[in-house]
Amino acid sequence: MLKGVTAMSQELMPLEKRVVHVRFEGQSQDIAFGVLDIGDLSNDQDMKSALALHFNTPVPKFASYMIERHVNGNVTVRPEAVFG
């Protein structure tokens, strides 16, 4: 089966079931979109600001974090990988 066909045929989960999987300060957490008050129109900066508020930390702490949006609607936020 083609990768593109699989990704296109998968539907988004309802907003109330979506989570942000975040790796922050050595811990992984799944946080519901509703807890962070984000949605489909939230951009990367909105997500980083919501996470900073959730973790009670300055927004710049998330400046180098990568945001990966998945075809099912979930999001992964993680530190930038450094190799070498």
Protein backbone atom coordinates (compact mmCIF):
# COMPACT_ATOMS: atom_id res chain seq x y z
CA MET A 1 0.00 0.00 0.00
CA LEU A 2 1.24 3.50 -0.78
CA LYS A 3 2.21 5.73 2.10
CA GLY A 4 0.34 8.75 0.75
CA VAL A 5 -2.88 6.80 0.30
CA THR A 6 -2.77 5.60 3.91
CA ALA A 7 -2.16 9.08 5.30
CA MET A 8 -4.89 10.66 3.20
CA SER A 9 -7.47 8.04 4.13
CA GLN A 10 -6.95 8.49 7.88
CA GLU A 11 -9.41 10.89 9.47
CA LEU A 12 -8.74 13.45 12.14
CA MET A 13 -9.78 12.48 15.63
CA PRO A 14 -12.44 14.69 17.21
CA LEU A 15 -10.87 17.77 18.80
CA GLU A 16 -11.89 16.70 22.31
CA LYS A 17 -9.86 13.47 21.94
CA ARG A 18 -6.67 15.00 20.56
CA VAL A 19 -3.54 15.35 22.67
CA VAL A 20 -0.22 17.10 22.59
CA HIS A 21 2.53 14.64 23.46
CA VAL A 22 5.28 16.78 24.96
CA ARG A 23 8.78 15.97 26.13
CA PHE A 24 9.78 18.66 28.63
CA GLU A 25 12.58 18.63 31.20
CA GLY A 26 13.13 14.91 30.87
CA GLN A 27 9.46 13.97 31.27
CA SER A 28 6.87 12.93 28.68
CA GLN A 29 3.23 13.91 29.03
CA ASP A 30 0.06 13.73 26.98
CA ILE A 31 -1.99 16.89 27.45
CA ALA A 32 -5.48 17.29 26.00
CA PHE A 33 -6.00 20.11 23.51
CA GLY A 34 -8.80 21.40 25.74
CA VAL A 35 -6.50 21.71 28.75
CA LEU A 36 -4.15 23.87 26.66
CA ASP A 37 -7.05 25.76 25.03
CA ILE A 38 -5.74 25.13 21.50
CA GLY A 39 -7.45 23.93 18.34
CA ASP A 40 -7.16 23.48 14.59
CA LEU A 41 -6.28 27.12 13.99
CA SER A 42 -3.49 27.19 16.59
CA ASN A 43 -0.09 27.77 15.03
CA ASP A 44 3.29 26.71 16.41
CA GLN A 45 3.70 29.88 18.48
CA ASP A 46 0.21 29.44 19.97
CA MET A 47 1.13 25.90 21.03
CA LYS A 48 4.45 26.96 22.52
CA SER A 49 2.75 29.79 24.43
CA ALA A 50 0.06 27.43 25.75
CA LEU A 51 2.69 24.92 26.87
CA ALA A 52 4.74 27.64 28.59
CA LEU A 53 1.63 28.74 30.46
CA HIS A 54 0.78 25.12 31.37
CA PHE A 55 4.30 24.47 32.71
CA ASN A 56 4.56 27.93 34.28
CA THR A 57 7.78 28.67 32.41
CA PRO A 58 8.87 31.46 30.05
CA VAL A 59 7.85 31.05 26.39
CA PRO A 60 11.48 31.32 25.15
CA LYS A 61 12.21 27.99 26.87
CA PHE A 62 10.24 26.37 24.00
CA ALA A 63 11.90 28.43 21.22
CA SER A 64 14.01 25.57 19.85
CA TYR A 65 11.34 22.88 20.31
CA MET A 66 10.10 21.02 17.25
CA ILE A 67 6.38 20.61 16.58
CA GLU A 68 5.19 17.59 14.61
CA ARG A 69 1.57 17.48 13.48
CA HIS A 70 0.23 13.99 12.87
CA VAL A 71 -2.42 13.00 10.32
CA ASN A 72 -4.83 11.98 13.10
CA GLY A 73 -4.73 15.49 14.61
CA ASN A 74 -2.42 14.80 17.55
CA VAL A 75 0.76 16.83 17.98
CA THR A 76 4.23 15.99 19.31
CA VAL A 77 6.36 18.75 20.82
CA ARG A 78 9.94 17.87 21.59
CA PRO A 79 13.37 19.40 21.97
CA GLU A 80 15.36 19.73 18.77
CA ALA A 81 17.48 16.63 18.23
CA VAL A 82 21.20 17.30 18.37
CA PHE A 83 23.53 14.77 16.80
CA GLY A 84 27.29 14.53 16.87
